[in-house]
Amino acid sequence: MANRNSLPRSEQARANAAAQFAKAKQAGAAAWQERNARHDADMEKMARLRELRLQKEAADKDASAAAPPKATVPRKRPAVRPARPMPSNDNI
């Protein structure tokens, strides 16, 4: 029986495996590129948000320094309830 390809069966298997490996390697590289791009975008977003937070904190600090201090009202202490009388033992 003659093979369809001129290569022996083991060589065909080796060529198929090499092609699948190259395809998987290329897909893995593309996945890593996508992951790195997402990571870079996340890092830029966090840096931007950090900068905005620091600006807001500085503005809040300046505003609180310029504002007069708030008058505080002392808190009322809760009233203390009197202790319950102890039950008498006359009924025993």
N, C-alpha and C. Protein backbone atom coordinates (compact mmCIF):
# COMPACT_ATOMS: atom_id res chain seq x y z
N MET A 1 0.81 -1.18 0.00
CA MET A 1 0.00 0.00 0.00
C MET A 1 0.87 1.25 0.00
N ALA A 2 0.50 2.20 -0.79
CA ALA A 2 1.29 3.42 -0.89
C ALA A 2 0.64 4.52 -0.04
N ASN A 3 1.48 5.29 0.64
CA ASN A 3 1.00 6.43 1.43
C ASN A 3 0.62 7.58 0.51
N ARG A 4 -0.27 8.40 1.00
CA ARG A 4 -0.66 9.57 0.19
C ARG A 4 0.49 10.56 0.11
N ASN A 5 1.17 10.74 1.23
CA ASN A 5 2.33 11.64 1.25
C ASN A 5 3.59 10.83 1.03
N SER A 6 4.61 11.53 0.64
CA SER A 6 5.87 10.82 0.40
C SER A 6 6.64 10.57 1.70
N LEU A 7 6.24 11.22 2.79
CA LEU A 7 6.92 11.03 4.06
C LEU A 7 6.42 9.79 4.78
N PRO A 8 7.27 9.11 5.50
CA PRO A 8 6.80 7.99 6.32
C PRO A 8 5.88 8.48 7.44
N ARG A 9 5.14 7.57 8.01
CA ARG A 9 4.13 7.91 9.00
C ARG A 9 4.73 8.64 10.22
N SER A 10 5.88 8.21 10.70
CA SER A 10 6.51 8.86 11.86
C SER A 10 6.93 10.29 11.53
N GLU A 11 7.40 10.50 10.31
CA GLU A 11 7.78 11.85 9.90
C GLU A 11 6.55 12.75 9.77
N GLN A 12 5.43 12.20 9.31
CA GLN A 12 4.18 12.97 9.23
C GLN A 12 3.74 13.39 10.63
N ALA A 13 3.83 12.45 11.56
CA ALA A 13 3.43 12.75 12.95
C ALA A 13 4.33 13.83 13.52
N ARG A 14 5.63 13.74 13.26
CA ARG A 14 6.58 14.74 13.75
C ARG A 14 6.26 16.11 13.14
N ALA A 15 5.96 16.14 11.84
CA ALA A 15 5.63 17.41 11.17
C ALA A 15 4.33 17.98 11.72
N ASN A 16 3.32 17.13 11.95
CA ASN A 16 2.06 17.60 12.52
C ASN A 16 2.27 18.15 13.93
N ALA A 17 3.07 17.46 14.73
CA ALA A 17 3.34 17.91 16.10
C ALA A 17 4.07 19.25 16.08
N ALA A 18 5.04 19.40 15.17
CA ALA A 18 5.78 20.66 15.08
C ALA A 18 4.85 21.80 14.65
N ALA A 19 3.95 21.53 13.75
CA ALA A 19 3.01 22.56 13.30
C ALA A 19 2.06 22.95 14.44
N GLN A 20 1.57 21.95 15.18
CA GLN A 20 0.69 22.26 16.31
C GLN A 20 1.43 23.04 17.39
N PHE A 21 2.69 22.67 17.63
CA PHE A 21 3.49 23.37 18.63
C PHE A 21 3.71 24.82 18.22
N ALA A 22 4.03 25.05 16.94
CA ALA A 22 4.25 26.42 16.46
C ALA A 22 2.98 27.24 16.58
N LYS A 23 1.84 26.62 16.27
CA LYS A 23 0.56 27.31 16.37
C LYS A 23 0.25 27.67 17.83
N ALA A 24 0.49 26.73 18.74
CA ALA A 24 0.24 26.98 20.16
C ALA A 24 1.18 28.04 20.70
N LYS A 25 2.43 28.01 20.25
CA LYS A 25 3.41 29.00 20.70
C LYS A 25 3.00 30.39 20.24
N GLN A 26 2.51 30.50 19.02
CA GLN A 26 2.07 31.79 18.48
C GLN A 26 0.84 32.29 19.25
N ALA A 27 -0.09 31.39 19.56
CA ALA A 27 -1.27 31.77 20.33
C ALA A 27 -0.88 32.21 21.74
N GLY A 28 0.09 31.53 22.33
CA GLY A 28 0.57 31.90 23.66
C GLY A 28 1.23 33.27 23.65
N ALA A 29 1.99 33.55 22.61
CA ALA A 29 2.64 34.86 22.49
C ALA A 29 1.59 35.96 22.34
N ALA A 30 0.56 35.69 21.57
CA ALA A 30 -0.50 36.68 21.40
C ALA A 30 -1.23 36.91 22.72
N ALA A 31 -1.43 35.85 23.48
CA ALA A 31 -2.09 35.99 24.78
C ALA A 31 -1.24 36.82 25.73
N TRP A 32 0.08 36.59 25.71
CA TRP A 32 0.95 37.38 26.57
C TRP A 32 0.96 38.84 26.16
N GLN A 33 0.94 39.12 24.86
CA GLN A 33 0.89 40.51 24.40
C GLN A 33 -0.39 41.19 24.88
N GLU A 34 -1.51 40.47 24.79
CA GLU A 34 -2.78 41.03 25.25
C GLU A 34 -2.74 41.28 26.76
N ARG A 35 -2.19 40.31 27.50
CA ARG A 35 -2.09 40.46 28.95
C ARG A 35 -1.22 41.67 29.32
N ASN A 36 -0.09 41.81 28.64
CA ASN A 36 0.81 42.94 28.91
C ASN A 36 0.14 44.27 28.57
N ALA A 37 -0.62 44.30 27.49
CA ALA A 37 -1.32 45.53 27.11
C ALA A 37 -2.36 45.89 28.17
N ARG A 38 -3.11 44.88 28.67
CA ARG A 38 -4.09 45.14 29.72
C ARG A 38 -3.41 45.61 31.00
N HIS A 39 -2.27 44.99 31.32
CA HIS A 39 -1.53 45.37 32.52
C HIS A 39 -1.05 46.82 32.42
N ASP A 40 -0.50 47.18 31.26
CA ASP A 40 -0.04 48.56 31.07
C ASP A 40 -1.19 49.55 31.18
N ALA A 41 -2.34 49.20 30.62
CA ALA A 41 -3.51 50.09 30.70
C ALA A 41 -3.97 50.23 32.15
N ASP A 42 -3.95 49.13 32.89
CA ASP A 42 -4.34 49.19 34.31
C ASP A 42 -3.37 50.04 35.11
N MET A 43 -2.09 49.92 34.84
CA MET A 43 -1.09 50.71 35.56
C MET A 43 -1.26 52.20 35.26
N GLU A 44 -1.54 52.55 34.00
CA GLU A 44 -1.78 53.95 33.65
C GLU A 44 -3.03 54.47 34.35
N LYS A 45 -4.07 53.66 34.40
CA LYS A 45 -5.32 54.05 35.06
C LYS A 45 -5.08 54.28 36.55
N MET A 46 -4.33 53.37 37.18
CA MET A 46 -4.07 53.53 38.61
C MET A 46 -3.23 54.76 38.89
N ALA A 47 -2.26 55.05 38.03
CA ALA A 47 -1.43 56.24 38.20
C ALA A 47 -2.28 57.50 38.06
N ARG A 48 -3.19 57.49 37.10
CA ARG A 48 -4.07 58.66 36.91
C ARG A 48 -4.98 58.84 38.12
N LEU A 49 -5.57 57.74 38.60
CA LEU A 49 -6.44 57.82 39.77
C LEU A 49 -5.68 58.23 41.03
N ARG A 50 -4.46 57.76 41.18
CA ARG A 50 -3.63 58.15 42.32
C ARG A 50 -3.37 59.65 42.29
N GLU A 51 -3.04 60.16 41.10
CA GLU A 51 -2.78 61.59 40.96
C GLU A 51 -4.03 62.40 41.30
N LEU A 52 -5.19 61.95 40.82
CA LEU A 52 -6.43 62.66 41.15
C LEU A 52 -6.71 62.62 42.65
N ARG A 53 -6.46 61.48 43.28
CA ARG A 53 -6.70 61.36 44.73
C ARG A 53 -5.77 62.30 45.50
N LEU A 54 -4.50 62.36 45.10
CA LEU A 54 -3.56 63.24 45.78
C LEU A 54 -3.94 64.70 45.60
N GLN A 55 -4.41 65.06 44.42
CA GLN A 55 -4.86 66.43 44.19
C GLN A 55 -6.06 66.75 45.07
N LYS A 56 -7.00 65.82 45.18
CA LYS A 56 -8.19 66.03 46.00
C LYS A 56 -7.81 66.15 47.47
N GLU A 57 -6.91 65.29 47.93
CA GLU A 57 -6.48 65.36 49.33
C GLU A 57 -5.80 66.69 49.62
N ALA A 58 -4.98 67.18 48.69
CA ALA A 58 -4.33 68.48 48.88
C ALA A 58 -5.36 69.60 48.91
N ALA A 59 -6.36 69.53 48.03
CA ALA A 59 -7.40 70.56 48.00
C ALA A 59 -8.22 70.51 49.28
N ASP A 60 -8.54 69.31 49.76
CA ASP A 60 -9.29 69.19 51.01
C ASP A 60 -8.49 69.72 52.19
N LYS A 61 -7.19 69.46 52.20
CA LYS A 61 -6.34 69.94 53.28
C LYS A 61 -6.28 71.47 53.27
N ASP A 62 -6.15 72.06 52.08
CA ASP A 62 -6.13 73.52 51.97
C ASP A 62 -7.46 74.11 52.41
N ALA A 63 -8.56 73.47 52.02
CA ALA A 63 -9.89 73.98 52.38
C ALA A 63 -10.13 73.88 53.88
N SER A 64 -9.68 72.80 54.49
CA SER A 64 -9.89 72.65 55.93
C SER A 64 -8.99 73.59 56.71
N ALA A 65 -7.82 73.93 56.18
CA ALA A 65 -6.93 74.87 56.85
C ALA A 65 -7.49 76.28 56.77
N ALA A 66 -8.16 76.61 55.69
CA ALA A 66 -8.72 77.95 55.50
C ALA A 66 -10.03 78.13 56.25
N ALA A 67 -10.76 77.07 56.48
CA ALA A 67 -12.07 77.17 57.15
C ALA A 67 -11.87 77.32 58.66
N PRO A 68 -12.77 78.08 59.30
CA PRO A 68 -12.67 78.21 60.75
C PRO A 68 -12.98 76.87 61.42
N PRO A 69 -12.43 76.63 62.59
CA PRO A 69 -12.70 75.35 63.25
C PRO A 69 -14.17 75.25 63.65
N LYS A 70 -14.68 74.04 63.61
CA LYS A 70 -16.07 73.82 63.97
C LYS A 70 -16.22 73.88 65.49
N ALA A 71 -17.33 74.46 65.92
CA ALA A 71 -17.62 74.48 67.34
C ALA A 71 -18.17 73.11 67.72
N THR A 72 -17.61 72.57 68.76
CA THR A 72 -18.07 71.25 69.17
C THR A 72 -18.98 71.40 70.37
N VAL A 73 -20.01 70.61 70.38
CA VAL A 73 -20.96 70.59 71.49
C VAL A 73 -20.65 69.34 72.30
N PRO A 74 -20.47 69.51 73.62
CA PRO A 74 -20.17 68.32 74.40
C PRO A 74 -21.35 67.36 74.37
N ARG A 75 -21.03 66.09 74.33
CA ARG A 75 -22.07 65.08 74.30
C ARG A 75 -22.67 64.91 75.68
N LYS A 76 -23.96 64.63 75.68
CA LYS A 76 -24.62 64.33 76.94
C LYS A 76 -24.32 62.89 77.30
N ARG A 77 -24.08 62.69 78.57
CA ARG A 77 -23.86 61.33 79.03
C ARG A 77 -25.21 60.69 79.23
N PRO A 78 -25.35 59.45 78.88
CA PRO A 78 -26.64 58.80 79.09
C PRO A 78 -26.95 58.69 80.59
N ALA A 79 -28.22 58.82 80.90
CA ALA A 79 -28.64 58.73 82.29
C ALA A 79 -28.42 57.31 82.79
N VAL A 80 -28.00 57.22 84.02
CA VAL A 80 -27.75 55.92 84.62
C VAL A 80 -29.04 55.46 85.28
N ARG A 81 -29.47 54.27 84.94
CA ARG A 81 -30.70 53.75 85.54
C ARG A 81 -30.38 53.26 86.95
N PRO A 82 -31.33 53.45 87.85
CA PRO A 82 -31.08 52.93 89.20
C PRO A 82 -31.12 51.41 89.18
N ALA A 83 -30.41 50.83 90.11
CA ALA A 83 -30.36 49.38 90.19
C ALA A 83 -31.72 48.84 90.59
N ARG A 84 -32.06 47.67 90.13
CA ARG A 84 -33.33 47.04 90.50
C ARG A 84 -33.27 46.56 91.95
N PRO A 85 -34.38 46.65 92.62
CA PRO A 85 -34.34 46.12 93.97
C PRO A 85 -34.29 44.60 93.93
N MET A 86 -33.63 44.04 94.88
CA MET A 86 -33.51 42.59 94.94
C MET A 86 -34.84 42.00 95.39
N PRO A 87 -35.26 40.88 94.82
CA PRO A 87 -36.51 40.27 95.25
C PRO A 87 -36.38 39.76 96.70
N SER A 88 -37.43 39.91 97.41
CA SER A 88 -37.38 39.45 98.79
C SER A 88 -37.62 37.96 98.86
N ASN A 89 -37.11 37.36 99.89
CA ASN A 89 -37.26 35.92 100.08
C ASN A 89 -38.39 35.60 101.04
N ASP A 90 -39.33 36.49 101.22
CA ASP A 90 -40.43 36.29 102.14
C ASP A 90 -41.40 35.22 101.65
N ASN A 91 -41.48 34.99 100.40
CA ASN A 91 -42.45 34.06 99.84
C ASN A 91 -41.98 32.61 99.91
N ILE A 92 -40.87 32.35 100.41
CA ILE A 92 -40.35 30.98 100.43
C ILE A 92 -40.84 30.21 101.61
